[in-house]
Amino acid sequence: MQMHSGNFVVVSYQEAFRAREGITQSVCLPHGWQGTIVVLEWNTDRPLNTLAVYRSWPDSEGPLP
């Protein structure tokens, strides 16, 4: 999400986490959400280089070819 100016939000019951533009926030909500919701937003007008995204992930079994 950071590579493409996206927004990542997770809300679960009375807690929320947001990551946007290199800033992360964690807050308690005054009213609970009954369950968990995950929101991913990114600009679809920008091409997404999926290989660059996968290569940026932590590696557990060796590098990608």
PDB file of N, CA and C in Angstrom:
ATOM      1  N   MET A   1       0.817  -1.183   0.000  1.00  0.00           N
ATOM      2  CA  MET A   1       0.000   0.000   0.000  1.00  0.00           C
ATOM      3  C   MET A   1       0.867   1.256   0.000  1.00  0.00           C
ATOM      4  N   GLN A   2       1.985   1.209   0.727  1.00  0.00           N
ATOM      5  CA  GLN A   2       2.860   2.373   0.783  1.00  0.00           C
ATOM      6  C   GLN A   2       3.508   2.664  -0.562  1.00  0.00           C
ATOM      7  N   MET A   3       3.811   1.628  -1.333  1.00  0.00           N
ATOM      8  CA  MET A   3       4.481   1.824  -2.613  1.00  0.00           C
ATOM      9  C   MET A   3       3.610   2.568  -3.616  1.00  0.00           C
ATOM     10  N   HIS A   4       2.302   2.555  -3.412  1.00  0.00           N
ATOM     11  CA  HIS A   4       1.384   3.159  -4.381  1.00  0.00           C
ATOM     12  C   HIS A   4       0.411   4.131  -3.734  1.00  0.00           C
ATOM     13  N   SER A   5       0.871   4.806  -2.676  1.00  0.00           N
ATOM     14  CA  SER A   5       0.081   5.842  -2.002  1.00  0.00           C
ATOM     15  C   SER A   5      -1.299   5.337  -1.592  1.00  0.00           C
ATOM     16  N   GLY A   6      -1.321   4.134  -1.047  1.00  0.00           N
ATOM     17  CA  GLY A   6      -2.591   3.539  -0.647  1.00  0.00           C
ATOM     18  C   GLY A   6      -2.919   3.792   0.811  1.00  0.00           C
ATOM     19  N   ASN A   7      -4.035   3.243   1.211  1.00  0.00           N
ATOM     20  CA  ASN A   7      -4.565   3.391   2.555  1.00  0.00           C
ATOM     21  C   ASN A   7      -4.968   2.000   3.030  1.00  0.00           C
ATOM     22  N   PHE A   8      -4.536   1.643   4.238  1.00  0.00           N
ATOM     23  CA  PHE A   8      -4.827   0.336   4.816  1.00  0.00           C
ATOM     24  C   PHE A   8      -5.479   0.567   6.175  1.00  0.00           C
ATOM     25  N   VAL A   9      -6.675   0.008   6.369  1.00  0.00           N
ATOM     26  CA  VAL A   9      -7.410   0.202   7.619  1.00  0.00           C
ATOM     27  C   VAL A   9      -7.925  -1.149   8.099  1.00  0.00           C
ATOM     28  N   VAL A  10      -7.754  -1.415   9.389  1.00  0.00           N
ATOM     29  CA  VAL A  10      -8.330  -2.594  10.030  1.00  0.00           C
ATOM     30  C   VAL A  10      -9.117  -2.102  11.240  1.00  0.00           C
ATOM     31  N   VAL A  11     -10.383  -2.486  11.302  1.00  0.00           N
ATOM     32  CA  VAL A  11     -11.224  -2.150  12.453  1.00  0.00           C
ATOM     33  C   VAL A  11     -11.749  -3.456  13.024  1.00  0.00           C
ATOM     34  N   SER A  12     -11.570  -3.629  14.334  1.00  0.00           N
ATOM     35  CA  SER A  12     -12.054  -4.823  15.001  1.00  0.00           C
ATOM     36  C   SER A  12     -12.583  -4.425  16.375  1.00  0.00           C
ATOM     37  N   TYR A  13     -13.876  -4.588  16.532  1.00  0.00           N
ATOM     38  CA  TYR A  13     -14.561  -4.212  17.772  1.00  0.00           C
ATOM     39  C   TYR A  13     -14.275  -2.749  18.100  1.00  0.00           C
ATOM     40  N   GLN A  14     -13.551  -2.435  19.159  1.00  0.00           N
ATOM     41  CA  GLN A  14     -13.341  -1.028  19.509  1.00  0.00           C
ATOM     42  C   GLN A  14     -11.926  -0.530  19.192  1.00  0.00           C
ATOM     43  N   GLU A  15     -11.216  -1.233  18.347  1.00  0.00           N
ATOM     44  CA  GLU A  15      -9.867  -0.815  17.975  1.00  0.00           C
ATOM     45  C   GLU A  15      -9.770  -0.622  16.464  1.00  0.00           C
ATOM     46  N   ALA A  16      -8.966   0.361  16.075  1.00  0.00           N
ATOM     47  CA  ALA A  16      -8.744   0.619  14.654  1.00  0.00           C
ATOM     48  C   ALA A  16      -7.263   0.874  14.421  1.00  0.00           C
ATOM     49  N   PHE A  17      -6.767   0.390  13.277  1.00  0.00           N
ATOM     50  CA  PHE A  17      -5.386   0.598  12.863  1.00  0.00           C
ATOM     51  C   PHE A  17      -5.407   1.139  11.450  1.00  0.00           C
ATOM     52  N   ARG A  18      -4.580   2.166  11.180  1.00  0.00           N
ATOM     53  CA  ARG A  18      -4.532   2.768   9.845  1.00  0.00           C
ATOM     54  C   ARG A  18      -3.088   3.018   9.465  1.00  0.00           C
ATOM     55  N   ALA A  19      -2.748   2.716   8.224  1.00  0.00           N
ATOM     56  CA  ALA A  19      -1.431   3.021   7.664  1.00  0.00           C
ATOM     57  C   ALA A  19      -1.650   3.767   6.356  1.00  0.00           C
ATOM     58  N   ARG A  20      -1.102   4.990   6.295  1.00  0.00           N
ATOM     59  CA  ARG A  20      -1.255   5.819   5.098  1.00  0.00           C
ATOM     60  C   ARG A  20      -0.108   6.814   5.035  1.00  0.00           C
ATOM     61  N   GLU A  21       0.501   6.924   3.861  1.00  0.00           N
ATOM     62  CA  GLU A  21       1.582   7.875   3.616  1.00  0.00           C
ATOM     63  C   GLU A  21       2.704   7.742   4.639  1.00  0.00           C
ATOM     64  N   GLY A  22       3.048   6.502   5.006  1.00  0.00           N
ATOM     65  CA  GLY A  22       4.134   6.256   5.937  1.00  0.00           C
ATOM     66  C   GLY A  22       3.800   6.516   7.395  1.00  0.00           C
ATOM     67  N   ILE A  23       2.558   6.850   7.688  1.00  0.00           N
ATOM     68  CA  ILE A  23       2.133   7.127   9.063  1.00  0.00           C
ATOM     69  C   ILE A  23       1.180   6.027   9.507  1.00  0.00           C
ATOM     70  N   THR A  24       1.434   5.476  10.677  1.00  0.00           N
ATOM     71  CA  THR A  24       0.514   4.476  11.226  1.00  0.00           C
ATOM     72  C   THR A  24      -0.156   5.043  12.468  1.00  0.00           C
ATOM     73  N   GLN A  25      -1.410   4.688  12.637  1.00  0.00           N
ATOM     74  CA  GLN A  25      -2.188   5.136  13.779  1.00  0.00           C
ATOM     75  C   GLN A  25      -2.964   3.957  14.346  1.00  0.00           C
ATOM     76  N   SER A  26      -3.068   3.923  15.646  1.00  0.00           N
ATOM     77  CA  SER A  26      -3.877   2.931  16.326  1.00  0.00           C
ATOM     78  C   SER A  26      -4.746   3.686  17.323  1.00  0.00           C
ATOM     79  N   VAL A  27      -6.059   3.480  17.245  1.00  0.00           N
ATOM     80  CA  VAL A  27      -6.970   4.230  18.110  1.00  0.00           C
ATOM     81  C   VAL A  27      -8.039   3.314  18.698  1.00  0.00           C
ATOM     82  N   CYS A  28      -8.596   3.748  19.803  1.00  0.00           N
ATOM     83  CA  CYS A  28      -9.772   3.100  20.386  1.00  0.00           C
ATOM     84  C   CYS A  28     -11.000   3.871  19.924  1.00  0.00           C
ATOM     85  N   LEU A  29     -12.016   3.153  19.533  1.00  0.00           N
ATOM     86  CA  LEU A  29     -13.234   3.777  19.020  1.00  0.00           C
ATOM     87  C   LEU A  29     -14.279   3.909  20.129  1.00  0.00           C
ATOM     88  N   PRO A  30     -15.071   4.970  20.086  1.00  0.00           N
ATOM     89  CA  PRO A  30     -16.095   5.143  21.117  1.00  0.00           C
ATOM     90  C   PRO A  30     -17.237   4.131  21.001  1.00  0.00           C
ATOM     91  N   HIS A  31     -17.464   3.631  19.796  1.00  0.00           N
ATOM     92  CA  HIS A  31     -18.531   2.651  19.562  1.00  0.00           C
ATOM     93  C   HIS A  31     -17.925   1.439  18.875  1.00  0.00           C
ATOM     94  N   GLY A  32     -18.236   0.262  19.321  1.00  0.00           N
ATOM     95  CA  GLY A  32     -17.658  -0.957  18.778  1.00  0.00           C
ATOM     96  C   GLY A  32     -18.228  -1.364  17.436  1.00  0.00           C
ATOM     97  N   TRP A  33     -17.397  -2.027  16.636  1.00  0.00           N
ATOM     98  CA  TRP A  33     -17.798  -2.643  15.373  1.00  0.00           C
ATOM     99  C   TRP A  33     -17.943  -4.124  15.677  1.00  0.00           C
ATOM    100  N   GLN A  34     -19.053  -4.705  15.362  1.00  0.00           N
ATOM    101  CA  GLN A  34     -19.304  -6.105  15.689  1.00  0.00           C
ATOM    102  C   GLN A  34     -18.629  -7.032  14.681  1.00  0.00           C
ATOM    103  N   GLY A  35     -17.335  -7.215  14.860  1.00  0.00           N
ATOM    104  CA  GLY A  35     -16.573  -8.068  13.957  1.00  0.00           C
ATOM    105  C   GLY A  35     -15.301  -7.368  13.536  1.00  0.00           C
ATOM    106  N   THR A  36     -14.783  -7.748  12.385  1.00  0.00           N
ATOM    107  CA  THR A  36     -13.538  -7.170  11.863  1.00  0.00           C
ATOM    108  C   THR A  36     -13.739  -6.805  10.404  1.00  0.00           C
ATOM    109  N   ILE A  37     -13.224  -5.648  10.027  1.00  0.00           N
ATOM    110  CA  ILE A  37     -13.270  -5.219   8.629  1.00  0.00           C
ATOM    111  C   ILE A  37     -11.879  -4.753   8.222  1.00  0.00           C
ATOM    112  N   VAL A  38     -11.478  -5.107   7.005  1.00  0.00           N
ATOM    113  CA  VAL A  38     -10.187  -4.697   6.458  1.00  0.00           C
ATOM    114  C   VAL A  38     -10.471  -3.918   5.182  1.00  0.00           C
ATOM    115  N   VAL A  39      -9.900  -2.728   5.080  1.00  0.00           N
ATOM    116  CA  VAL A  39     -10.101  -1.873   3.908  1.00  0.00           C
ATOM    117  C   VAL A  39      -8.745  -1.612   3.262  1.00  0.00           C
ATOM    118  N   LEU A  40      -8.643  -1.890   1.971  1.00  0.00           N
ATOM    119  CA  LEU A  40      -7.442  -1.604   1.184  1.00  0.00           C
ATOM    120  C   LEU A  40      -7.838  -0.647   0.072  1.00  0.00           C
ATOM    121  N   GLU A  41      -7.180   0.496   0.011  1.00  0.00           N
ATOM    122  CA  GLU A  41      -7.466   1.474  -1.040  1.00  0.00           C
ATOM    123  C   GLU A  41      -6.165   1.846  -1.740  1.00  0.00           C
ATOM    124  N   TRP A  42      -6.190   1.899  -3.055  1.00  0.00           N
ATOM    125  CA  TRP A  42      -5.044   2.387  -3.796  1.00  0.00           C
ATOM    126  C   TRP A  42      -5.527   2.993  -5.093  1.00  0.00           C
ATOM    127  N   ASN A  43      -4.692   3.824  -5.679  1.00  0.00           N
ATOM    128  CA  ASN A  43      -5.018   4.534  -6.904  1.00  0.00           C
ATOM    129  C   ASN A  43      -4.880   3.577  -8.086  1.00  0.00           C
ATOM    130  N   THR A  44      -5.996   3.211  -8.673  1.00  0.00           N
ATOM    131  CA  THR A  44      -5.965   2.263  -9.793  1.00  0.00           C
ATOM    132  C   THR A  44      -5.548   2.923 -11.102  1.00  0.00           C
ATOM    133  N   ASP A  45      -5.365   4.255 -11.091  1.00  0.00           N
ATOM    134  CA  ASP A  45      -4.858   4.942 -12.280  1.00  0.00           C
ATOM    135  C   ASP A  45      -3.351   4.763 -12.434  1.00  0.00           C
ATOM    136  N   ARG A  46      -2.671   4.362 -11.343  1.00  0.00           N
ATOM    137  CA  ARG A  46      -1.230   4.107 -11.382  1.00  0.00           C
ATOM    138  C   ARG A  46      -0.998   2.626 -11.627  1.00  0.00           C
ATOM    139  N   PRO A  47      -0.130   2.277 -12.572  1.00  0.00           N
ATOM    140  CA  PRO A  47       0.173   0.859 -12.782  1.00  0.00           C
ATOM    141  C   PRO A  47       0.796   0.258 -11.522  1.00  0.00           C
ATOM    142  N   LEU A  48       0.433  -0.968 -11.224  1.00  0.00           N
ATOM    143  CA  LEU A  48       0.947  -1.667 -10.062  1.00  0.00           C
ATOM    144  C   LEU A  48       1.992  -2.672 -10.522  1.00  0.00           C
ATOM    145  N   ASN A  49       3.212  -2.513 -10.061  1.00  0.00           N
ATOM    146  CA  ASN A  49       4.298  -3.431 -10.395  1.00  0.00           C
ATOM    147  C   ASN A  49       4.259  -4.554  -9.355  1.00  0.00           C
ATOM    148  N   THR A  50       3.542  -5.625  -9.659  1.00  0.00           N
ATOM    149  CA  THR A  50       3.370  -6.701  -8.683  1.00  0.00           C
ATOM    150  C   THR A  50       4.683  -7.385  -8.327  1.00  0.00           C
ATOM    151  N   LEU A  51       5.620  -7.484  -9.269  1.00  0.00           N
ATOM    152  CA  LEU A  51       6.908  -8.095  -8.968  1.00  0.00           C
ATOM    153  C   LEU A  51       7.646  -7.271  -7.910  1.00  0.00           C
ATOM    154  N   ALA A  52       7.611  -5.955  -8.024  1.00  0.00           N
ATOM    155  CA  ALA A  52       8.254  -5.094  -7.019  1.00  0.00           C
ATOM    156  C   ALA A  52       7.577  -5.258  -5.662  1.00  0.00           C
ATOM    157  N   VAL A  53       6.260  -5.420  -5.671  1.00  0.00           N
ATOM    158  CA  VAL A  53       5.534  -5.624  -4.415  1.00  0.00           C
ATOM    159  C   VAL A  53       5.972  -6.933  -3.776  1.00  0.00           C
ATOM    160  N   TYR A  54       5.962  -8.023  -4.525  1.00  0.00           N
ATOM    161  CA  TYR A  54       6.360  -9.323  -3.978  1.00  0.00           C
ATOM    162  C   TYR A  54       7.812  -9.325  -3.511  1.00  0.00           C
ATOM    163  N   ARG A  55       8.684  -8.659  -4.246  1.00  0.00           N
ATOM    164  CA  ARG A  55      10.092  -8.606  -3.850  1.00  0.00           C
ATOM    165  C   ARG A  55      10.304  -7.794  -2.574  1.00  0.00           C
ATOM    166  N   SER A  56       9.376  -6.908  -2.252  1.00  0.00           N
ATOM    167  CA  SER A  56       9.518  -6.098  -1.035  1.00  0.00           C
ATOM    168  C   SER A  56       9.057  -6.848   0.209  1.00  0.00           C
ATOM    169  N   TRP A  57       8.387  -7.976   0.038  1.00  0.00           N
ATOM    170  CA  TRP A  57       7.920  -8.761   1.191  1.00  0.00           C
ATOM    171  C   TRP A  57       9.080  -9.446   1.873  1.00  0.00           C
ATOM    172  N   PRO A  58       8.967  -9.671   3.186  1.00  0.00           N
ATOM    173  CA  PRO A  58      10.012 -10.441   3.892  1.00  0.00           C
ATOM    174  C   PRO A  58      10.139 -11.832   3.275  1.00  0.00           C
ATOM    175  N   ASP A  59      11.356 -12.285   3.161  1.00  0.00           N
ATOM    176  CA  ASP A  59      11.633 -13.552   2.495  1.00  0.00           C
ATOM    177  C   ASP A  59      11.828 -14.672   3.506  1.00  0.00           C
ATOM    178  N   SER A  60      11.064 -15.747   3.358  1.00  0.00           N
ATOM    179  CA  SER A  60      11.207 -16.871   4.269  1.00  0.00           C
ATOM    180  C   SER A  60      11.802 -18.105   3.590  1.00  0.00           C
ATOM    181  N   GLU A  61      11.796 -18.150   2.263  1.00  0.00           N
ATOM    182  CA  GLU A  61      12.278 -19.346   1.574  1.00  0.00           C
ATOM    183  C   GLU A  61      13.317 -19.041   0.495  1.00  0.00           C
ATOM    184  N   GLY A  62      13.826 -17.844   0.429  1.00  0.00           N
ATOM    185  CA  GLY A  62      14.795 -17.485  -0.605  1.00  0.00           C
ATOM    186  C   GLY A  62      14.238 -16.434  -1.539  1.00  0.00           C
ATOM    187  N   PRO A  63      15.095 -15.768  -2.285  1.00  0.00           N
ATOM    188  CA  PRO A  63      14.653 -14.677  -3.170  1.00  0.00           C
ATOM    189  C   PRO A  63      13.874 -15.177  -4.377  1.00  0.00           C
ATOM    190  N   LEU A  64      13.059 -14.286  -4.916  1.00  0.00           N
ATOM    191  CA  LEU A  64      12.352 -14.582  -6.163  1.00  0.00           C
ATOM    192  C   LEU A  64      13.346 -14.560  -7.319  1.00  0.00           C
ATOM    193  N   PRO A  65      13.086 -15.315  -8.366  1.00  0.00           N
ATOM    194  CA  PRO A  65      14.017 -15.337  -9.517  1.00  0.00           C
ATOM    195  C   PRO A  65      14.033 -14.006 -10.241  1.00  0.00           C
TER     196      PRO A  65
END
